[in-house]
Amino acid sequence: MPTILIVEDESKMRRLLELNLNEDGLSTLSAGDAESGLKLLTQNSVDLVVTDLKLPGMSGLEFLQAVKRQNVSLPVVVMTAFGSVETAVEAMKSGASDYVLKPFSLTEMRMVIRKELDVRKLREENLSLREALGRRYSHPNVVARSPKMQEVLATVERVAPTNSTVLLGGESGVGKDLIARAIHEKSRRASGPFIKINSTAIPENLLESELFGYERGAFTGAAASKPGKFELADKGTLFLDEIGDVPAAIQVKLLRVLQEREFERLGGTKTIKVDVRLIAATNRDLRAALEEGTFREDLYYRLNVVPIDIAPLRERREDIPDLARLFVSRFCGDSNKPIEEISSDALQILVGYHWPGNVRELQNIMERACALAKGPVLEPADIHIDSRPARAGNGASHFLPEGMTLEQWEDEMIREALKRANGNKSQAARLLGLSRNALRYRLSKIGIADEGEKETQ
């Protein structure tokens, strides 16, 4: 039985939470201030902490930081007044797992606690992920021979049974939609709907009505009421692609749906409750969008519960032969062409290419090869890869070094700046024209730890 530590100075609220969580099959410990809470934490095994941010003596934020110093993996849910969302975001930055705005319903609190307990279980299981990779994971239409894709599918296995929000990251064309569908099909919602919407494919002025629906007369041409994607996905999964391009006004409504599971249609006054699991995806750097102020911090922390990053195809070349054969089987079957195999020389061409368009580009190349092939075996002459024309000027034959993508070139520039600055990261940031925080994030992406060394300015 999981044990929940409640830290709340208002005795009636504390007792109400105790009774409600006990009825939900959870064991509770409680304290009226942060100091007493820390003492209980050292004396007992606790699975999750619920704390108010406004406490006598040590503040809730200071208590949170003290809890994280003791046990960085212990989930903490903070409670705060409706007008103090900024404080809640500050708590999320300090390590809080989630926050609940007062006044809240007990149902909402139970839902948040259950979700965080599920996430904690998931993270504990992921500690043994490397050992578990001895087992091969598979899913229809997902090729996962490479260790990186095996790790993705292993995480899918663990997160699918929970209701946690998932944020899929990766370049365009890596197959984020296939992973989202795999999560849905392995979840308890598999019998429910799987609704997909791409925010960049819909004009900004129509996106709100597509997501939340509209009532008759809400705008010119609205002759009848229409449900939105959230209503259609009730009891199922909504896959929102390109979340980084959602306008700020709609980000506010998305945040409300994630927090309260409710919304109103455009032009309507009736509040609609939904039970939807959200899977979001982006090919953008949302951390950079936070720095630029184009993406809300509170929404980011709500979405980034379980992040899954899908590697580009050039970083998992072991998957290319199986992917190529899968596409040959699919396209040649559709066109009734008797193509049986891909020659080793043709495979060598495919594996050696850097695939800036990822799996989607490979799919298109194989469809073309199947359409134009003359014999039962695909040969190098059947593989037509578009090569970008060289740019003239200043004697340079290529805009980027041959076979190198923009991302790889940027990584090389960061390493070169560090080399010229003799490892001094502040000086390297100035050489690159970046802020110190922006450089820190890019270093983490390429696997260079930021030890926070003392640097000369």
Protein backbone atom coordinates (compact mmCIF):
# COMPACT_ATOMS: atom_id res chain seq x y z
CA MET A 1 0.00 0.00 0.00
CA PRO A 2 1.62 3.29 -1.09
CA THR A 3 2.21 5.84 1.68
CA ILE A 4 1.42 9.53 1.10
CA LEU A 5 2.87 12.29 3.30
CA ILE A 6 0.49 15.30 3.57
CA VAL A 7 1.96 18.63 4.74
CA GLU A 8 -0.84 21.19 5.23
CA ASP A 9 -1.23 23.74 8.03
CA GLU A 10 -5.04 23.89 7.79
CA SER A 11 -6.22 21.01 9.97
CA LYS A 12 -9.64 20.53 8.30
CA MET A 13 -8.10 20.29 4.83
CA ARG A 14 -5.41 17.93 6.15
CA ARG A 15 -8.00 15.64 7.75
CA LEU A 16 -10.20 15.71 4.62
CA LEU A 17 -7.27 14.62 2.44
CA GLU A 18 -6.36 11.86 4.91
CA LEU A 19 -9.88 10.40 4.92
CA ASN A 20 -10.29 10.64 1.16
CA LEU A 21 -6.93 9.03 0.35
CA ASN A 22 -7.51 6.29 2.94
CA GLU A 23 -10.83 5.48 1.24
CA ASP A 24 -8.88 5.24 -2.03
CA GLY A 25 -6.68 2.51 -0.56
CA LEU A 26 -3.67 4.69 0.29
CA SER A 27 -1.84 4.97 3.59
CA THR A 28 -1.23 8.50 4.90
CA LEU A 29 1.06 10.43 7.22
CA SER A 30 0.40 14.10 7.96
CA ALA A 31 2.10 17.17 9.39
CA GLY A 32 1.05 20.78 9.98
CA ASP A 33 4.41 22.31 9.07
CA ALA A 34 7.50 21.62 6.97
CA GLU A 35 9.80 20.81 9.91
CA SER A 36 7.46 18.08 11.18
CA GLY A 37 7.09 16.80 7.62
CA LEU A 38 10.86 16.43 7.22
CA LYS A 39 11.03 14.51 10.49
CA LEU A 40 8.31 12.09 9.32
CA LEU A 41 10.14 11.71 6.02
CA THR A 42 13.35 10.56 7.72
CA GLN A 43 11.48 8.12 10.00
CA ASN A 44 9.17 6.47 7.45
CA SER A 45 9.13 5.03 3.96
CA VAL A 46 7.11 7.47 1.83
CA ASP A 47 6.05 7.02 -1.81
CA LEU A 48 4.76 10.54 -2.51
CA VAL A 49 4.50 13.94 -0.80
CA VAL A 50 1.58 16.38 -1.04
CA THR A 51 2.41 19.82 0.34
CA ASP A 52 0.91 23.29 0.46
CA LEU A 53 3.26 26.02 -0.74
CA LYS A 54 2.10 28.42 1.98
CA LEU A 55 3.29 26.99 5.31
CA PRO A 56 4.23 28.51 8.68
CA GLY A 57 7.99 28.75 9.30
CA MET A 58 9.81 27.01 6.45
CA SER A 59 7.93 27.71 3.20
CA GLY A 60 6.56 25.00 0.98
CA LEU A 61 9.17 25.81 -1.68
CA GLU A 62 12.01 25.45 0.85
CA PHE A 63 10.43 22.20 2.06
CA LEU A 64 10.30 20.91 -1.53
CA GLN A 65 13.99 21.70 -2.02
CA ALA A 66 14.85 19.94 1.27
CA VAL A 67 12.85 16.85 0.20
CA LYS A 68 14.69 16.74 -3.13
CA ARG A 69 18.06 16.96 -1.36
CA GLN A 70 17.08 13.88 0.65
CA ASN A 71 15.54 11.91 -2.24
CA VAL A 72 15.64 13.42 -5.72
CA SER A 73 13.33 10.76 -7.19
CA LEU A 74 10.52 11.15 -4.61
CA PRO A 75 7.47 12.69 -6.37
CA VAL A 76 6.07 15.87 -4.77
CA VAL A 77 2.65 17.35 -5.62
CA VAL A 78 2.22 20.98 -4.51
CA MET A 79 -1.01 22.79 -3.66
CA THR A 80 -1.31 26.51 -4.27
CA ALA A 81 -3.97 29.21 -4.53
CA PHE A 82 -5.44 29.91 -7.97
CA GLY A 83 -3.72 33.30 -8.26
CA SER A 84 -0.22 31.88 -7.61
CA VAL A 85 0.45 29.91 -10.79
CA GLU A 86 3.89 31.53 -11.10
CA THR A 87 4.83 30.07 -7.71
CA ALA A 88 3.66 26.65 -8.89
CA VAL A 89 5.84 26.91 -11.99
CA GLU A 90 8.78 27.86 -9.76
CA ALA A 91 8.06 24.73 -7.73
CA MET A 92 8.06 22.61 -10.92
CA LYS A 93 11.49 24.04 -11.75
CA SER A 94 12.66 23.01 -8.27
CA GLY A 95 11.58 19.43 -8.84
CA ALA A 96 7.85 19.23 -8.09
CA SER A 97 6.11 16.52 -10.13
CA ASP A 98 2.77 18.31 -10.48
CA TYR A 99 0.62 21.03 -8.92
CA VAL A 100 -3.05 21.44 -8.01
CA LEU A 101 -4.76 24.83 -7.82
CA LYS A 102 -6.96 25.59 -4.79
CA PRO A 103 -9.89 25.19 -4.60
CA PHE A 104 -9.70 21.70 -6.10
CA SER A 105 -11.97 18.67 -6.12
CA LEU A 106 -10.91 15.57 -4.21
CA THR A 107 -11.42 13.57 -7.41
CA GLU A 108 -8.84 15.76 -9.16
CA MET A 109 -6.37 15.31 -6.28
CA ARG A 110 -6.79 11.51 -6.33
CA MET A 111 -6.29 11.48 -10.10
CA VAL A 112 -3.06 13.50 -9.86
CA ILE A 113 -1.70 11.32 -7.04
CA ARG A 114 -2.50 8.08 -8.89
CA LYS A 115 -0.85 9.43 -12.03
CA GLU A 116 2.32 10.38 -10.12
CA LEU A 117 2.45 6.98 -8.41
CA ASP A 118 2.20 5.37 -11.86
CA VAL A 119 5.04 7.57 -13.14
CA ARG A 120 7.20 6.72 -10.13
CA LYS A 121 6.66 3.03 -10.75
CA LEU A 122 7.57 3.57 -14.40
CA ARG A 123 10.80 5.37 -13.51
CA GLU A 124 11.78 2.69 -11.00
CA GLU A 125 11.26 0.03 -13.65
CA ASN A 126 13.36 2.05 -16.09
CA LEU A 127 16.34 1.77 -13.73
CA SER A 128 16.61 -1.80 -14.94
CA LEU A 129 15.95 -0.84 -18.56
CA ARG A 130 19.45 -1.67 -19.79
CA GLU A 131 19.22 -5.17 -18.38
CA ALA A 132 15.71 -5.55 -19.77
CA LEU A 133 16.99 -4.80 -23.25
CA GLY A 134 18.22 -8.37 -23.33
CA ARG A 135 14.60 -9.04 -24.24
CA ARG A 136 13.65 -7.96 -27.76
CA TYR A 137 10.66 -5.62 -27.96
CA SER A 138 8.52 -5.48 -31.07
CA HIS A 139 5.40 -3.85 -32.45
CA PRO A 140 3.71 -4.17 -35.86
CA ASN A 141 5.06 -1.65 -38.41
CA VAL A 142 7.80 -0.45 -36.03
CA VAL A 143 11.29 -1.64 -37.01
CA ALA A 144 13.48 -1.75 -33.91
CA ARG A 145 16.68 -3.70 -34.51
CA SER A 146 18.85 -0.85 -33.18
CA PRO A 147 19.47 -0.36 -29.43
CA LYS A 148 17.99 3.16 -29.59
CA MET A 149 14.68 1.93 -30.98
CA GLN A 150 14.66 -1.01 -28.57
CA GLU A 151 14.94 1.53 -25.76
CA VAL A 152 12.01 3.50 -27.20
CA LEU A 153 9.82 0.38 -27.39
CA ALA A 154 10.85 -0.67 -23.88
CA THR A 155 9.66 2.72 -22.60
CA VAL A 156 6.43 2.34 -24.60
CA GLU A 157 5.80 -1.00 -22.83
CA ARG A 158 6.15 0.69 -19.46
CA VAL A 159 4.26 3.93 -20.07
CA ALA A 160 1.36 2.51 -22.12
CA PRO A 161 -0.62 1.00 -19.18
CA THR A 162 -0.55 4.34 -17.29
CA ASN A 163 -2.56 7.50 -18.00
CA SER A 164 0.54 9.71 -18.04
CA THR A 165 0.93 12.38 -20.70
CA VAL A 166 3.75 11.56 -23.15
CA LEU A 167 5.86 14.07 -25.09
CA LEU A 168 7.47 12.58 -28.21
CA GLY A 169 10.50 14.41 -29.57
CA GLY A 170 12.49 13.94 -32.76
CA GLU A 171 13.07 15.26 -36.24
CA SER A 172 10.36 15.25 -38.91
CA GLY A 173 9.87 11.84 -40.49
CA VAL A 174 11.23 9.66 -37.65
CA GLY A 175 7.88 7.96 -37.00
CA LYS A 176 6.44 9.76 -33.98
CA ASP A 177 2.90 8.93 -35.12
CA LEU A 178 3.71 5.19 -35.14
CA ILE A 179 5.06 5.36 -31.57
CA ALA A 180 1.97 7.30 -30.44
CA ARG A 181 -0.27 4.63 -31.96
CA ALA A 182 1.82 1.88 -30.32
CA ILE A 183 1.30 3.52 -26.91
CA HIS A 184 -2.46 3.67 -27.53
CA GLU A 185 -2.70 0.07 -28.74
CA LYS A 186 -0.83 -1.26 -25.70
CA SER A 187 -2.85 0.86 -23.24
CA ARG A 188 -6.09 0.18 -21.38
CA ARG A 189 -7.68 2.64 -23.81
CA ALA A 190 -6.95 0.48 -26.86
CA SER A 191 -10.69 -0.18 -27.44
CA GLY A 192 -11.34 3.57 -27.42
CA PRO A 193 -10.69 6.06 -30.23
CA PHE A 194 -7.24 7.19 -31.39
CA ILE A 195 -7.65 10.72 -32.74
CA LYS A 196 -4.77 12.48 -34.51
CA ILE A 197 -4.47 16.20 -35.27
CA ASN A 198 -1.54 18.14 -36.73
CA SER A 199 -1.63 21.74 -35.51
CA THR A 200 0.42 23.03 -38.47
CA ALA A 201 -2.00 21.51 -41.02
CA ILE A 202 -4.91 23.64 -39.76
CA PRO A 203 -5.14 27.45 -40.10
CA GLU A 204 -4.60 29.20 -36.77
CA ASN A 205 -8.09 30.72 -36.74
CA LEU A 206 -9.66 27.25 -37.13
CA LEU A 207 -7.49 25.28 -34.72
CA GLU A 208 -9.49 26.16 -31.60
CA SER A 209 -12.78 24.99 -33.14
CA GLU A 210 -11.09 21.79 -34.41
CA LEU A 211 -9.78 20.94 -30.94
CA PHE A 212 -12.73 22.02 -28.79
CA GLY A 213 -15.66 22.11 -31.21
CA TYR A 214 -18.21 24.89 -31.66
CA GLU A 215 -21.87 25.71 -31.13
CA ARG A 216 -24.35 26.73 -33.77
CA GLY A 217 -23.95 30.43 -34.60
CA ALA A 218 -20.48 30.68 -32.99
CA PHE A 219 -19.20 32.23 -36.21
CA THR A 220 -20.33 32.87 -39.77
CA GLY A 221 -21.07 29.54 -41.43
CA ALA A 222 -21.57 27.60 -38.17
CA ALA A 223 -24.99 26.27 -39.15
CA ALA A 224 -24.90 23.41 -36.65
CA SER A 225 -22.98 22.41 -33.55
CA LYS A 226 -19.90 20.28 -34.02
CA PRO A 227 -17.82 18.31 -31.46
CA GLY A 228 -14.05 18.87 -31.39
CA LYS A 229 -11.19 16.38 -31.29
CA PHE A 230 -11.16 16.26 -27.49
CA GLU A 231 -14.80 15.14 -27.40
CA LEU A 232 -14.22 12.61 -30.16
CA ALA A 233 -11.23 11.18 -28.23
CA ASP A 234 -13.20 10.71 -24.97
CA LYS A 235 -12.20 7.41 -23.29
CA GLY A 236 -9.33 7.16 -25.78
CA THR A 237 -6.14 8.94 -26.89
CA LEU A 238 -5.59 12.28 -28.61
CA PHE A 239 -2.32 12.60 -30.53
CA LEU A 240 -1.46 16.28 -30.99
CA ASP A 241 1.40 16.60 -33.46
CA GLU A 242 3.62 19.71 -33.73
CA ILE A 243 2.62 20.95 -30.27
CA GLY A 244 5.41 23.55 -30.44
CA ASP A 245 3.49 25.47 -33.12
CA VAL A 246 0.24 25.84 -31.16
CA PRO A 247 -0.64 29.55 -30.71
CA ALA A 248 -0.43 31.08 -27.21
CA ALA A 249 -4.21 31.55 -26.83
CA ILE A 250 -4.83 27.85 -27.47
CA GLN A 251 -1.97 26.85 -25.16
CA VAL A 252 -4.04 28.34 -22.30
CA LYS A 253 -7.05 26.15 -23.17
CA LEU A 254 -4.85 23.05 -23.52
CA LEU A 255 -3.43 23.71 -20.06
CA ARG A 256 -6.94 23.85 -18.61
CA VAL A 257 -7.93 20.54 -20.24
CA LEU A 258 -4.81 18.86 -18.85
CA GLN A 259 -5.40 20.30 -15.36
CA GLU A 260 -9.16 20.04 -15.02
CA ARG A 261 -10.28 17.65 -17.82
CA GLU A 262 -12.91 20.13 -18.95
CA PHE A 263 -13.55 22.88 -21.51
CA GLU A 264 -16.31 24.76 -23.36
CA ARG A 265 -16.99 24.66 -27.08
CA LEU A 266 -16.36 27.81 -29.08
CA GLY A 267 -19.40 30.03 -28.60
CA GLY A 268 -20.80 27.77 -25.89
CA THR A 269 -21.34 28.08 -22.13
CA LYS A 270 -21.80 24.43 -21.15
CA THR A 271 -18.74 22.87 -19.52
CA ILE A 272 -17.83 19.51 -21.09
CA LYS A 273 -15.92 16.89 -19.08
CA VAL A 274 -13.65 14.45 -20.94
CA ASP A 275 -11.43 11.49 -20.10
CA VAL A 276 -8.63 11.76 -22.67
CA ARG A 277 -5.01 10.66 -22.62
CA LEU A 278 -2.87 13.22 -24.47
CA ILE A 279 0.23 12.29 -26.45
CA ALA A 280 2.00 15.34 -27.86
CA ALA A 281 4.83 15.45 -30.38
CA THR A 282 7.25 18.09 -31.60
CA ASN A 283 10.25 18.44 -33.87
CA ARG A 284 11.08 21.77 -32.24
CA ASP A 285 13.37 22.49 -29.32
CA LEU A 286 10.74 23.36 -26.70
CA ARG A 287 13.42 24.44 -24.22
CA ALA A 288 14.54 27.07 -26.72
CA ALA A 289 10.89 28.07 -27.21
CA LEU A 290 10.64 28.60 -23.44
CA GLU A 291 13.67 30.90 -23.57
CA GLU A 292 12.12 32.82 -26.48
CA GLY A 293 8.80 33.13 -24.64
CA THR A 294 6.78 31.44 -27.41
CA PHE A 295 5.77 28.41 -25.32
CA ARG A 296 4.22 28.47 -21.85
CA GLU A 297 6.33 27.04 -19.03
CA ASP A 298 3.34 25.65 -17.12
CA LEU A 299 2.09 23.82 -20.23
CA TYR A 300 5.56 22.44 -20.95
CA TYR A 301 5.81 20.90 -17.48
CA ARG A 302 2.32 19.44 -17.83
CA LEU A 303 3.24 17.83 -21.16
CA ASN A 304 6.76 16.66 -20.32
CA VAL A 305 5.69 13.97 -17.83
CA VAL A 306 7.22 11.08 -19.78
CA PRO A 307 9.49 12.34 -22.59
CA ILE A 308 10.45 9.89 -25.35
CA ASP A 309 13.05 11.04 -27.88
CA ILE A 310 13.17 9.15 -31.18
CA ALA A 311 16.61 9.15 -32.79
CA PRO A 312 17.03 10.21 -36.44
CA LEU A 313 17.60 7.42 -38.96
CA ARG A 314 21.29 8.30 -39.43
CA GLU A 315 21.85 7.42 -35.73
CA ARG A 316 20.21 3.99 -36.03
CA ARG A 317 21.51 2.65 -39.32
CA GLU A 318 20.97 -0.94 -38.14
CA ASP A 319 17.25 -0.36 -38.84
CA ILE A 320 17.72 0.69 -42.48
CA PRO A 321 17.88 -2.79 -44.13
CA ASP A 322 14.76 -4.03 -42.32
CA LEU A 323 12.90 -0.79 -43.06
CA ALA A 324 13.85 -0.98 -46.73
CA ARG A 325 12.62 -4.60 -46.96
CA LEU A 326 9.39 -3.67 -45.16
CA PHE A 327 8.69 -0.92 -47.70
CA VAL A 328 9.58 -3.19 -50.63
CA SER A 329 7.15 -5.80 -49.36
CA ARG A 330 4.43 -3.18 -48.93
CA PHE A 331 4.81 -1.31 -52.22
CA CYS A 332 5.56 -4.30 -54.43
CA GLY A 333 2.59 -6.13 -52.97
CA ASP A 334 0.35 -3.16 -53.78
CA SER A 335 1.59 -3.01 -57.38
CA ASN A 336 1.83 -6.82 -57.88
CA LYS A 337 5.51 -6.55 -58.83
CA PRO A 338 7.59 -9.72 -58.25
CA ILE A 339 10.50 -8.05 -56.41
CA GLU A 340 12.07 -10.56 -54.06
CA GLU A 341 15.17 -8.92 -52.59
CA ILE A 342 17.49 -5.92 -52.36
CA SER A 343 21.07 -6.56 -53.45
CA SER A 344 23.90 -6.05 -50.96
CA ASP A 345 25.32 -3.21 -53.09
CA ALA A 346 21.96 -1.42 -53.08
CA LEU A 347 21.69 -1.89 -49.30
CA GLN A 348 25.19 -0.43 -48.91
CA ILE A 349 24.03 2.73 -50.70
CA LEU A 350 20.99 3.00 -48.44
CA VAL A 351 22.95 2.44 -45.22
CA GLY A 352 25.65 4.94 -46.24
CA TYR A 353 23.26 7.82 -46.98
CA HIS A 354 22.67 10.39 -44.20
CA TRP A 355 18.82 10.56 -44.64
CA PRO A 356 17.94 14.16 -43.74
CA GLY A 357 14.27 13.24 -44.32
CA ASN A 358 14.53 10.18 -42.04
CA VAL A 359 12.14 7.21 -42.40
CA ARG A 360 9.69 9.21 -44.51
CA GLU A 361 12.42 9.90 -47.09
CA LEU A 362 13.47 6.23 -47.11
CA GLN A 363 9.85 5.23 -47.68
CA ASN A 364 9.57 7.54 -50.69
CA ILE A 365 12.87 6.28 -52.16
CA MET A 366 11.76 2.64 -51.85
CA GLU A 367 8.35 3.39 -53.39
CA ARG A 368 10.11 4.95 -56.38
CA ALA A 369 12.51 1.99 -56.62
CA CYS A 370 9.63 -0.49 -56.65
CA ALA A 371 7.79 1.49 -59.31
CA LEU A 372 10.81 1.71 -61.65
CA ALA A 373 12.60 -1.61 -61.00
CA LYS A 374 13.14 -3.86 -64.02
CA GLY A 375 13.98 -7.15 -62.34
CA PRO A 376 13.18 -9.26 -59.26
CA VAL A 377 16.16 -7.84 -57.30
CA LEU A 378 16.63 -4.15 -56.55
CA GLU A 379 20.08 -3.08 -57.74
CA PRO A 380 22.05 0.18 -57.16
CA ALA A 381 20.71 1.54 -60.46
CA ASP A 382 17.17 1.27 -59.06
CA ILE A 383 17.99 3.43 -56.01
CA HIS A 384 17.47 7.07 -57.03
CA ILE A 385 18.49 9.34 -54.15
CA ASP A 386 18.02 13.04 -54.77
CA SER A 387 21.30 14.87 -54.30
CA ARG A 388 21.02 18.55 -53.56
CA PRO A 389 22.71 20.77 -56.17
CA ALA A 390 25.95 22.46 -55.13
CA ARG A 391 25.73 26.17 -54.41
CA ALA A 392 28.04 28.37 -56.41
CA GLY A 393 29.99 31.26 -54.89
CA ASN A 394 33.42 31.87 -53.41
CA GLY A 395 34.63 28.58 -54.87
CA ALA A 396 32.60 26.57 -52.34
CA SER A 397 31.08 23.44 -53.87
CA HIS A 398 28.71 22.72 -50.94
CA PHE A 399 26.69 24.85 -48.54
CA LEU A 400 27.42 22.32 -45.75
CA PRO A 401 30.27 19.78 -45.59
CA GLU A 402 29.49 16.70 -47.70
CA GLY A 403 27.31 14.17 -45.88
CA MET A 404 26.81 16.43 -42.84
CA THR A 405 23.45 17.75 -41.65
CA LEU A 406 22.89 21.16 -40.08
CA GLU A 407 22.54 19.55 -36.64
CA GLN A 408 25.86 17.71 -36.99
CA TRP A 409 27.56 20.89 -38.23
CA GLU A 410 26.23 22.86 -35.24
CA ASP A 411 27.56 20.16 -32.87
CA GLU A 412 31.00 20.45 -34.50
CA MET A 413 30.93 24.24 -34.11
CA ILE A 414 30.11 23.90 -30.40
CA ARG A 415 33.02 21.47 -29.91
CA GLU A 416 35.34 23.80 -31.85
CA ALA A 417 34.28 26.79 -29.72
CA LEU A 418 34.99 24.79 -26.53
CA LYS A 419 38.39 23.84 -27.93
CA ARG A 420 39.28 27.45 -28.74
CA ALA A 421 38.07 28.59 -25.31
CA ASN A 422 40.17 25.85 -23.60
CA GLY A 423 37.02 24.37 -22.08
CA ASN A 424 35.76 27.66 -20.64
CA LYS A 425 32.03 27.48 -21.32
CA SER A 426 31.28 31.16 -20.72
CA GLN A 427 33.91 32.15 -23.29
CA ALA A 428 32.63 29.46 -25.70
CA ALA A 429 29.09 30.87 -25.35
CA ARG A 430 30.37 34.33 -26.27
CA LEU A 431 32.23 32.95 -29.30
CA LEU A 432 29.01 31.34 -30.51
CA GLY A 433 26.78 34.32 -29.71
CA LEU A 434 24.69 32.22 -27.31
CA SER A 435 23.49 32.79 -23.77
CA ARG A 436 25.11 30.62 -21.09
CA ASN A 437 21.80 28.74 -20.57
CA ALA A 438 21.37 28.13 -24.31
CA LEU A 439 24.89 26.67 -24.53
CA ARG A 440 24.26 24.50 -21.46
CA TYR A 441 21.20 22.99 -23.15
CA ARG A 442 23.07 22.31 -26.41
CA LEU A 443 25.92 20.69 -24.48
CA SER A 444 23.46 18.34 -22.79
CA LYS A 445 22.05 17.36 -26.21
CA ILE A 446 25.46 16.23 -27.49
CA GLY A 447 26.38 14.49 -24.24
CA ILE A 448 28.88 16.99 -22.76
CA ALA A 449 28.24 17.35 -19.05
CA ASP A 450 28.08 20.82 -17.51
CA GLU A 451 29.90 20.39 -14.21
CA GLY A 452 29.33 24.04 -13.24
CA GLU A 453 33.01 24.75 -12.99
CA LYS A 454 34.28 28.13 -11.87
CA GLU A 455 34.95 30.11 -14.97
CA THR A 456 36.79 33.35 -15.61
CA GLN A 457 34.61 36.02 -17.10
